[in-house]
PDB file of N, CA and C in Angstrom:
ATOM      1  N   MET A   1      69.373 115.107 119.525  1.00  0.00           N
ATOM      2  CA  MET A   1      69.467 115.618 118.142  1.00  0.00           C
ATOM      3  C   MET A   1      70.459 116.784 118.252  1.00  0.00           C
ATOM      4  N   ARG A   2      71.246 116.907 117.185  1.00  0.00           N
ATOM      5  CA  ARG A   2      72.312 117.927 117.142  1.00  0.00           C
ATOM      6  C   ARG A   2      72.321 118.629 115.829  1.00  0.00           C
ATOM      7  N   LEU A   3      72.417 119.952 115.838  1.00  0.00           N
ATOM      8  CA  LEU A   3      72.653 120.738 114.649  1.00  0.00           C
ATOM      9  C   LEU A   3      74.053 121.167 114.621  1.00  0.00           C
ATOM     10  N   VAL A   4      74.747 120.887 113.542  1.00  0.00           N
ATOM     11  CA  VAL A   4      76.215 121.272 113.457  1.00  0.00           C
ATOM     12  C   VAL A   4      76.350 122.164 112.251  1.00  0.00           C
ATOM     13  N   GLY A   5      76.854 123.358 112.489  1.00  0.00           N
ATOM     14  CA  GLY A   5      77.028 124.350 111.429  1.00  0.00           C
ATOM     15  C   GLY A   5      78.252 125.176 111.651  1.00  0.00           C
ATOM     16  N   THR A   6      78.498 126.044 110.666  1.00  0.00           N
ATOM     17  CA  THR A   6      79.710 126.877 110.756  1.00  0.00           C
ATOM     18  C   THR A   6      79.585 127.958 111.879  1.00  0.00           C
ATOM     19  N   THR A   7      78.384 128.224 112.314  1.00  0.00           N
ATOM     20  CA  THR A   7      78.203 129.234 113.344  1.00  0.00           C
ATOM     21  C   THR A   7      78.156 128.582 114.725  1.00  0.00           C
ATOM     22  N   GLY A   8      78.175 127.294 114.780  1.00  0.00           N
ATOM     23  CA  GLY A   8      78.229 126.580 116.040  1.00  0.00           C
ATOM     24  C   GLY A   8      77.420 125.298 116.011  1.00  0.00           C
ATOM     25  N   SER A   9      77.448 124.599 117.125  1.00  0.00           N
ATOM     26  CA  SER A   9      76.735 123.304 117.280  1.00  0.00           C
ATOM     27  C   SER A   9      75.695 123.418 118.462  1.00  0.00           C
ATOM     28  N   PHE A  10      74.543 122.856 118.186  1.00  0.00           N
ATOM     29  CA  PHE A  10      73.510 122.988 119.188  1.00  0.00           C
ATOM     30  C   PHE A  10      72.914 121.593 119.440  1.00  0.00           C
ATOM     31  N   GLN A  11      73.035 121.162 120.665  1.00  0.00           N
ATOM     32  CA  GLN A  11      72.407 119.813 121.064  1.00  0.00           C
ATOM     33  C   GLN A  11      71.029 120.126 121.663  1.00  0.00           C
ATOM     34  N   LEU A  12      70.034 119.483 121.139  1.00  0.00           N
ATOM     35  CA  LEU A  12      68.687 119.724 121.579  1.00  0.00           C
ATOM     36  C   LEU A  12      68.004 118.464 122.185  1.00  0.00           C
ATOM     37  N   PRO A  13      67.667 118.504 123.411  1.00  0.00           N
ATOM     38  CA  PRO A  13      67.009 117.357 124.054  1.00  0.00           C
ATOM     39  C   PRO A  13      65.504 117.344 123.677  1.00  0.00           C
ATOM     40  N   ARG A  14      64.784 116.343 124.179  1.00  0.00           N
ATOM     41  CA  ARG A  14      63.349 116.411 123.840  1.00  0.00           C
ATOM     42  C   ARG A  14      62.728 117.662 124.205  1.00  0.00           C
ATOM     43  N   GLY A  15      61.764 118.089 123.412  1.00  0.00           N
ATOM     44  CA  GLY A  15      61.044 119.337 123.693  1.00  0.00           C
ATOM     45  C   GLY A  15      60.883 120.203 122.465  1.00  0.00           C
ATOM     46  N   ARG A  16      60.340 121.358 122.609  1.00  0.00           N
ATOM     47  CA  ARG A  16      60.076 122.302 121.542  1.00  0.00           C
ATOM     48  C   ARG A  16      61.129 123.376 121.613  1.00  0.00           C
ATOM     49  N   HIS A  17      61.842 123.651 120.506  1.00  0.00           N
ATOM     50  CA  HIS A  17      62.955 124.563 120.540  1.00  0.00           C
ATOM     51  C   HIS A  17      62.847 125.654 119.442  1.00  0.00           C
ATOM     52  N   LEU A  18      62.831 126.890 119.868  1.00  0.00           N
ATOM     53  CA  LEU A  18      62.782 128.003 118.971  1.00  0.00           C
ATOM     54  C   LEU A  18      64.165 128.263 118.315  1.00  0.00           C
ATOM     55  N   VAL A  19      64.132 128.567 116.988  1.00  0.00           N
ATOM     56  CA  VAL A  19      65.301 128.935 116.227  1.00  0.00           C
ATOM     57  C   VAL A  19      65.083 130.404 115.824  1.00  0.00           C
ATOM     58  N   GLY A  20      66.115 131.203 116.017  1.00  0.00           N
ATOM     59  CA  GLY A  20      66.045 132.609 115.580  1.00  0.00           C
ATOM     60  C   GLY A  20      66.902 133.534 116.325  1.00  0.00           C
ATOM     61  N   ARG A  21      66.647 134.897 116.169  1.00  0.00           N
ATOM     62  CA  ARG A  21      67.407 135.918 116.789  1.00  0.00           C
ATOM     63  C   ARG A  21      66.798 136.236 118.180  1.00  0.00           C
ATOM     64  N   ASP A  22      65.705 135.697 118.540  1.00  0.00           N
ATOM     65  CA  ASP A  22      65.124 136.000 119.860  1.00  0.00           C
ATOM     66  C   ASP A  22      66.077 135.576 120.953  1.00  0.00           C
ATOM     67  N   PRO A  23      66.316 136.398 122.000  1.00  0.00           N
ATOM     68  CA  PRO A  23      67.230 136.065 123.042  1.00  0.00           C
ATOM     69  C   PRO A  23      66.867 134.746 123.807  1.00  0.00           C
ATOM     70  N   ALA A  24      65.641 134.383 123.749  1.00  0.00           N
ATOM     71  CA  ALA A  24      65.131 133.158 124.378  1.00  0.00           C
ATOM     72  C   ALA A  24      65.283 131.903 123.542  1.00  0.00           C
ATOM     73  N   ALA A  25      65.691 132.061 122.254  1.00  0.00           N
ATOM     74  CA  ALA A  25      65.818 130.914 121.377  1.00  0.00           C
ATOM     75  C   ALA A  25      66.886 129.922 121.807  1.00  0.00           C
ATOM     76  N   ALA A  26      66.482 128.600 121.652  1.00  0.00           N
ATOM     77  CA  ALA A  26      67.414 127.534 122.015  1.00  0.00           C
ATOM     78  C   ALA A  26      68.564 127.473 120.931  1.00  0.00           C
ATOM     79  N   VAL A  27      68.195 127.813 119.720  1.00  0.00           N
ATOM     80  CA  VAL A  27      69.226 127.906 118.624  1.00  0.00           C
ATOM     81  C   VAL A  27      69.182 129.410 118.252  1.00  0.00           C
ATOM     82  N   ARG A  28      70.047 130.196 118.920  1.00  0.00           N
ATOM     83  CA  ARG A  28      70.126 131.634 118.715  1.00  0.00           C
ATOM     84  C   ARG A  28      71.096 131.950 117.608  1.00  0.00           C
ATOM     85  N   LEU A  29      70.566 132.591 116.499  1.00  0.00           N
ATOM     86  CA  LEU A  29      71.306 132.971 115.369  1.00  0.00           C
ATOM     87  C   LEU A  29      71.447 134.475 115.319  1.00  0.00           C
ATOM     88  N   GLU A  30      72.615 134.954 114.991  1.00  0.00           N
ATOM     89  CA  GLU A  30      72.917 136.395 114.915  1.00  0.00           C
ATOM     90  C   GLU A  30      72.628 136.976 113.527  1.00  0.00           C
ATOM     91  N   SER A  31      72.486 136.192 112.529  1.00  0.00           N
ATOM     92  CA  SER A  31      72.303 136.657 111.186  1.00  0.00           C
ATOM     93  C   SER A  31      71.085 137.587 111.089  1.00  0.00           C
ATOM     94  N   ARG A  32      71.253 138.726 110.509  1.00  0.00           N
ATOM     95  CA  ARG A  32      70.144 139.682 110.322  1.00  0.00           C
ATOM     96  C   ARG A  32      69.068 139.167 109.343  1.00  0.00           C
ATOM     97  N   GLY A  33      69.484 138.158 108.552  1.00  0.00           N
ATOM     98  CA  GLY A  33      68.560 137.538 107.644  1.00  0.00           C
ATOM     99  C   GLY A  33      67.578 136.591 108.293  1.00  0.00           C
ATOM    100  N   CYS A  34      67.903 136.225 109.577  1.00  0.00           N
ATOM    101  CA  CYS A  34      67.021 135.326 110.364  1.00  0.00           C
ATOM    102  C   CYS A  34      65.992 136.129 111.073  1.00  0.00           C
ATOM    103  N   SER A  35      64.756 135.594 111.105  1.00  0.00           N
ATOM    104  CA  SER A  35      63.703 136.281 111.864  1.00  0.00           C
ATOM    105  C   SER A  35      63.907 135.990 113.371  1.00  0.00           C
ATOM    106  N   ARG A  36      63.309 136.843 114.204  1.00  0.00           N
ATOM    107  CA  ARG A  36      63.442 136.649 115.692  1.00  0.00           C
ATOM    108  C   ARG A  36      62.848 135.266 115.980  1.00  0.00           C
ATOM    109  N   ARG A  37      61.772 134.887 115.426  1.00  0.00           N
ATOM    110  CA  ARG A  37      61.130 133.573 115.681  1.00  0.00           C
ATOM    111  C   ARG A  37      61.080 132.874 114.322  1.00  0.00           C
ATOM    112  N   HIS A  38      62.184 132.365 113.854  1.00  0.00           N
ATOM    113  CA  HIS A  38      62.323 131.866 112.483  1.00  0.00           C
ATOM    114  C   HIS A  38      61.717 130.458 112.308  1.00  0.00           C
ATOM    115  N   ALA A  39      61.979 129.524 113.203  1.00  0.00           N
ATOM    116  CA  ALA A  39      61.510 128.183 112.998  1.00  0.00           C
ATOM    117  C   ALA A  39      61.377 127.542 114.357  1.00  0.00           C
ATOM    118  N   VAL A  40      60.778 126.369 114.383  1.00  0.00           N
ATOM    119  CA  VAL A  40      60.662 125.561 115.599  1.00  0.00           C
ATOM    120  C   VAL A  40      61.039 124.146 115.254  1.00  0.00           C
ATOM    121  N   ILE A  41      61.966 123.548 116.186  1.00  0.00           N
ATOM    122  CA  ILE A  41      62.302 122.159 116.036  1.00  0.00           C
ATOM    123  C   ILE A  41      61.671 121.458 117.174  1.00  0.00           C
ATOM    124  N   CYS A  42      60.960 120.325 116.943  1.00  0.00           N
ATOM    125  CA  CYS A  42      60.395 119.500 117.967  1.00  0.00           C
ATOM    126  C   CYS A  42      61.096 118.227 118.043  1.00  0.00           C
ATOM    127  N   VAL A  43      61.564 117.848 119.196  1.00  0.00           N
ATOM    128  CA  VAL A  43      62.245 116.575 119.439  1.00  0.00           C
ATOM    129  C   VAL A  43      61.388 115.756 120.361  1.00  0.00           C
ATOM    130  N   THR A  44      60.875 114.654 119.830  1.00  0.00           N
ATOM    131  CA  THR A  44      60.102 113.752 120.689  1.00  0.00           C
ATOM    132  C   THR A  44      60.659 112.367 120.630  1.00  0.00           C
ATOM    133  N   GLU A  45      60.076 111.454 121.371  1.00  0.00           N
ATOM    134  CA  GLU A  45      60.498 110.014 121.269  1.00  0.00           C
ATOM    135  C   GLU A  45      60.166 109.444 119.924  1.00  0.00           C
ATOM    136  N   ALA A  46      59.157 109.996 119.272  1.00  0.00           N
ATOM    137  CA  ALA A  46      58.732 109.509 117.916  1.00  0.00           C
ATOM    138  C   ALA A  46      59.658 110.019 116.817  1.00  0.00           C
ATOM    139  N   GLY A  47      60.322 111.137 117.044  1.00  0.00           N
ATOM    140  CA  GLY A  47      61.218 111.658 116.010  1.00  0.00           C
ATOM    141  C   GLY A  47      61.440 113.197 116.118  1.00  0.00           C
ATOM    142  N   VAL A  48      61.968 113.762 115.071  1.00  0.00           N
ATOM    143  CA  VAL A  48      62.284 115.158 115.053  1.00  0.00           C
ATOM    144  C   VAL A  48      61.607 115.875 113.875  1.00  0.00           C
ATOM    145  N   THR A  49      61.077 117.057 114.141  1.00  0.00           N
ATOM    146  CA  THR A  49      60.438 117.828 113.032  1.00  0.00           C
ATOM    147  C   THR A  49      60.953 119.233 113.092  1.00  0.00           C
ATOM    148  N   VAL A  50      60.890 119.895 111.976  1.00  0.00           N
ATOM    149  CA  VAL A  50      61.204 121.341 111.855  1.00  0.00           C
ATOM    150  C   VAL A  50      60.012 121.995 111.167  1.00  0.00           C
ATOM    151  N   GLU A  51      59.660 123.226 111.621  1.00  0.00           N
ATOM    152  CA  GLU A  51      58.593 123.938 111.007  1.00  0.00           C
ATOM    153  C   GLU A  51      58.928 125.444 110.904  1.00  0.00           C
ATOM    154  N   ASP A  52      58.871 126.061 109.765  1.00  0.00           N
ATOM    155  CA  ASP A  52      59.126 127.450 109.597  1.00  0.00           C
ATOM    156  C   ASP A  52      57.973 128.241 110.321  1.00  0.00           C
ATOM    157  N   GLN A  53      58.317 129.374 110.829  1.00  0.00           N
ATOM    158  CA  GLN A  53      57.358 130.178 111.514  1.00  0.00           C
ATOM    159  C   GLN A  53      56.972 131.480 110.782  1.00  0.00           C
ATOM    160  N   ALA A  54      56.661 131.314 109.469  1.00  0.00           N
ATOM    161  CA  ALA A  54      56.380 132.397 108.579  1.00  0.00           C
ATOM    162  C   ALA A  54      57.528 133.428 108.558  1.00  0.00           C
ATOM    163  N   SER A  55      58.726 132.896 108.483  1.00  0.00           N
ATOM    164  CA  SER A  55      59.931 133.758 108.454  1.00  0.00           C
ATOM    165  C   SER A  55      60.023 134.431 107.074  1.00  0.00           C
ATOM    166  N   SER A  56      60.674 135.584 107.052  1.00  0.00           N
ATOM    167  CA  SER A  56      60.848 136.373 105.839  1.00  0.00           C
ATOM    168  C   SER A  56      61.716 135.592 104.761  1.00  0.00           C
ATOM    169  N   ASN A  57      62.812 134.974 105.185  1.00  0.00           N
ATOM    170  CA  ASN A  57      63.770 134.393 104.286  1.00  0.00           C
ATOM    171  C   ASN A  57      63.726 132.888 104.177  1.00  0.00           C
ATOM    172  N   GLY A  58      62.780 132.257 104.908  1.00  0.00           N
ATOM    173  CA  GLY A  58      62.507 130.834 104.730  1.00  0.00           C
ATOM    174  C   GLY A  58      63.449 129.888 105.440  1.00  0.00           C
ATOM    175  N   THR A  59      62.991 128.667 105.594  1.00  0.00           N
ATOM    176  CA  THR A  59      63.682 127.569 106.114  1.00  0.00           C
ATOM    177  C   THR A  59      63.749 126.503 105.006  1.00  0.00           C
ATOM    178  N   PHE A  60      64.923 125.924 104.765  1.00  0.00           N
ATOM    179  CA  PHE A  60      65.112 125.034 103.671  1.00  0.00           C
ATOM    180  C   PHE A  60      65.676 123.655 104.257  1.00  0.00           C
ATOM    181  N   VAL A  61      65.139 122.575 103.739  1.00  0.00           N
ATOM    182  CA  VAL A  61      65.695 121.232 104.047  1.00  0.00           C
ATOM    183  C   VAL A  61      66.143 120.639 102.764  1.00  0.00           C
ATOM    184  N   ASP A  62      67.433 120.374 102.707  1.00  0.00           N
ATOM    185  CA  ASP A  62      68.071 119.810 101.463  1.00  0.00           C
ATOM    186  C   ASP A  62      67.635 120.638 100.249  1.00  0.00           C
ATOM    187  N   ASP A  63      67.839 121.937 100.346  1.00  0.00           N
ATOM    188  CA  ASP A  63      67.656 122.880  99.286  1.00  0.00           C
ATOM    189  C   ASP A  63      66.136 123.102  98.840  1.00  0.00           C
ATOM    190  N   GLU A  64      65.209 122.565  99.605  1.00  0.00           N
ATOM    191  CA  GLU A  64      63.765 122.712  99.357  1.00  0.00           C
ATOM    192  C   GLU A  64      63.161 123.593 100.480  1.00  0.00           C
ATOM    193  N   ARG A  65      62.553 124.736 100.044  1.00  0.00           N
ATOM    194  CA  ARG A  65      61.887 125.578 101.030  1.00  0.00           C
ATOM    195  C   ARG A  65      60.707 124.833 101.626  1.00  0.00           C
ATOM    196  N   ILE A  66      60.579 124.782 102.952  1.00  0.00           N
ATOM    197  CA  ILE A  66      59.479 124.141 103.537  1.00  0.00           C
ATOM    198  C   ILE A  66      58.340 125.065 103.875  1.00  0.00           C
ATOM    199  N   THR A  67      57.151 124.594 103.675  1.00  0.00           N
ATOM    200  CA  THR A  67      55.980 125.438 103.959  1.00  0.00           C
ATOM    201  C   THR A  67      55.039 124.772 105.012  1.00  0.00           C
ATOM    202  N   GLU A  68      55.473 123.580 105.501  1.00  0.00           N
ATOM    203  CA  GLU A  68      54.710 122.906 106.516  1.00  0.00           C
ATOM    204  C   GLU A  68      55.698 122.052 107.342  1.00  0.00           C
ATOM    205  N   CYS A  69      55.272 121.474 108.440  1.00  0.00           N
ATOM    206  CA  CYS A  69      56.093 120.711 109.359  1.00  0.00           C
ATOM    207  C   CYS A  69      56.766 119.618 108.536  1.00  0.00           C
ATOM    208  N   ARG A  70      58.109 119.436 108.750  1.00  0.00           N
ATOM    209  CA  ARG A  70      58.820 118.407 107.959  1.00  0.00           C
ATOM    210  C   ARG A  70      59.604 117.470 108.961  1.00  0.00           C
ATOM    211  N   ALA A  71      59.474 116.194 108.807  1.00  0.00           N
ATOM    212  CA  ALA A  71      60.189 115.243 109.636  1.00  0.00           C
ATOM    213  C   ALA A  71      61.728 115.240 109.170  1.00  0.00           C
ATOM    214  N   LEU A  72      62.591 115.107 110.144  1.00  0.00           N
ATOM    215  CA  LEU A  72      64.019 114.962 109.904  1.00  0.00           C
ATOM    216  C   LEU A  72      64.414 113.606 110.302  1.00  0.00           C
ATOM    217  N   ARG A  73      65.306 112.943 109.466  1.00  0.00           N
ATOM    218  CA  ARG A  73      65.771 111.638 109.756  1.00  0.00           C
ATOM    219  C   ARG A  73      67.242 111.542 110.049  1.00  0.00           C
ATOM    220  N   GLY A  74      67.915 112.684 109.923  1.00  0.00           N
ATOM    221  CA  GLY A  74      69.363 112.684 110.132  1.00  0.00           C
ATOM    222  C   GLY A  74      70.141 112.728 108.841  1.00  0.00           C
ATOM    223  N   GLY A  75      71.139 113.534 108.746  1.00  0.00           N
ATOM    224  CA  GLY A  75      71.947 113.678 107.578  1.00  0.00           C
ATOM    225  C   GLY A  75      71.505 114.807 106.637  1.00  0.00           C
ATOM    226  N   GLU A  76      70.288 115.392 106.907  1.00  0.00           N
ATOM    227  CA  GLU A  76      69.859 116.518 106.075  1.00  0.00           C
ATOM    228  C   GLU A  76      70.657 117.769 106.310  1.00  0.00           C
ATOM    229  N   THR A  77      70.605 118.667 105.352  1.00  0.00           N
ATOM    230  CA  THR A  77      71.079 120.000 105.519  1.00  0.00           C
ATOM    231  C   THR A  77      69.912 120.891 105.751  1.00  0.00           C
ATOM    232  N   VAL A  78      69.941 121.652 106.788  1.00  0.00           N
ATOM    233  CA  VAL A  78      68.835 122.590 107.120  1.00  0.00           C
ATOM    234  C   VAL A  78      69.398 124.029 107.088  1.00  0.00           C
ATOM    235  N   VAL A  79      68.746 124.917 106.415  1.00  0.00           N
ATOM    236  CA  VAL A  79      69.210 126.300 106.278  1.00  0.00           C
ATOM    237  C   VAL A  79      68.129 127.234 106.810  1.00  0.00           C
ATOM    238  N   PHE A  80      68.475 128.034 107.807  1.00  0.00           N
ATOM    239  CA  PHE A  80      67.550 129.019 108.363  1.00  0.00           C
ATOM    240  C   PHE A  80      68.064 130.404 107.777  1.00  0.00           C
ATOM    241  N   SER A  81      67.409 130.928 106.717  1.00  0.00           N
ATOM    242  CA  SER A  81      67.888 132.102 106.052  1.00  0.00           C
ATOM    243  C   SER A  81      69.189 131.773 105.417  1.00  0.00           C
ATOM    244  N   ASP A  82      70.298 132.273 106.033  1.00  0.00           N
ATOM    245  CA  ASP A  82      71.628 131.988 105.454  1.00  0.00           C
ATOM    246  C   ASP A  82      72.531 131.222 106.431  1.00  0.00           C
ATOM    247  N   SER A  83      71.873 130.617 107.444  1.00  0.00           N
ATOM    248  CA  SER A  83      72.659 129.854 108.397  1.00  0.00           C
ATOM    249  C   SER A  83      72.476 128.361 108.127  1.00  0.00           C
ATOM    250  N   LEU A  84      73.509 127.640 107.769  1.00  0.00           N
ATOM    251  CA  LEU A  84      73.471 126.293 107.323  1.00  0.00           C
ATOM    252  C   LEU A  84      73.905 125.349 108.423  1.00  0.00           C
ATOM    253  N   PHE A  85      73.139 124.268 108.621  1.00  0.00           N
ATOM    254  CA  PHE A  85      73.422 123.160 109.590  1.00  0.00           C
ATOM    255  C   PHE A  85      73.183 121.791 109.005  1.00  0.00           C
ATOM    256  N   ARG A  86      73.963 120.841 109.568  1.00  0.00           N
ATOM    257  CA  ARG A  86      73.741 119.418 109.278  1.00  0.00           C
ATOM    258  C   ARG A  86      72.995 118.809 110.484  1.00  0.00           C
ATOM    259  N   VAL A  87      71.990 118.003 110.209  1.00  0.00           N
ATOM    260  CA  VAL A  87      71.251 117.369 111.265  1.00  0.00           C
ATOM    261  C   VAL A  87      71.930 116.042 111.637  1.00  0.00           C
ATOM    262  N   GLU A  88      72.115 115.798 112.913  1.00  0.00           N
ATOM    263  CA  GLU A  88      72.624 114.578 113.470  1.00  0.00           C
ATOM    264  C   GLU A  88      71.614 114.096 114.479  1.00  0.00           C
ATOM    265  N   LEU A  89      71.088 112.854 114.314  1.00  0.00           N
ATOM    266  CA  LEU A  89      70.196 112.288 115.319  1.00  0.00           C
ATOM    267  C   LEU A  89      71.115 111.381 116.208  1.00  0.00           C
ATOM    268  N   LEU A  90      70.980 111.597 117.471  1.00  0.00           N
ATOM    269  CA  LEU A  90      71.788 110.862 118.426  1.00  0.00           C
ATOM    270  C   LEU A  90      71.012 109.674 118.928  1.00  0.00           C
ATOM    271  N   THR A  91      71.741 108.560 119.104  1.00  0.00           N
ATOM    272  CA  THR A  91      71.165 107.332 119.667  1.00  0.00           C
ATOM    273  C   THR A  91      71.570 107.214 121.108  1.00  0.00           C
ATOM    274  N   GLY A  92      71.040 106.299 121.812  1.00  0.00           N
ATOM    275  CA  GLY A  92      71.321 106.151 123.239  1.00  0.00           C
ATOM    276  C   GLY A  92      72.747 105.778 123.493  1.00  0.00           C
ATOM    277  N   SER A  93      73.480 105.237 122.499  1.00  0.00           N
ATOM    278  CA  SER A  93      74.854 104.817 122.698  1.00  0.00           C
ATOM    279  C   SER A  93      75.883 105.892 122.384  1.00  0.00           C
ATOM    280  N   GLU A  94      75.435 107.021 121.839  1.00  0.00           N
ATOM    281  CA  GLU A  94      76.422 108.062 121.407  1.00  0.00           C
ATOM    282  C   GLU A  94      76.593 109.007 122.660  1.00  0.00           C
ATOM    283  N   PRO A  95      77.778 109.578 122.763  1.00  0.00           N
ATOM    284  CA  PRO A  95      78.049 110.560 123.796  1.00  0.00           C
ATOM    285  C   PRO A  95      77.138 111.784 123.644  1.00  0.00           C
ATOM    286  N   ARG A  96      76.770 112.358 124.761  1.00  0.00           N
ATOM    287  CA  ARG A  96      75.836 113.565 124.772  1.00  0.00           C
ATOM    288  C   ARG A  96      76.636 114.706 125.170  1.00  0.00           C
TER     289      ARG A  96
END
């Protein structure tokens, strides 16, 4: 799975990935509008989900603020505060 945005591109393998300003975040965002522990993306064999972590400025999927875990199917726009990304789901045949 890959997040592609104006601030960069992040390729995420299977696992649980923190999004935010925390130095340990897999998707590290510099925006002061982002919380240190803003959201979590889970990539599993079954699919990809995103869940807000009670952030101050919210996580949005296709312009809708999410309040619970949300499945991602690819092609969505995900916004963490003011950082916008497009979701790309990678298949086994695509370059990594």
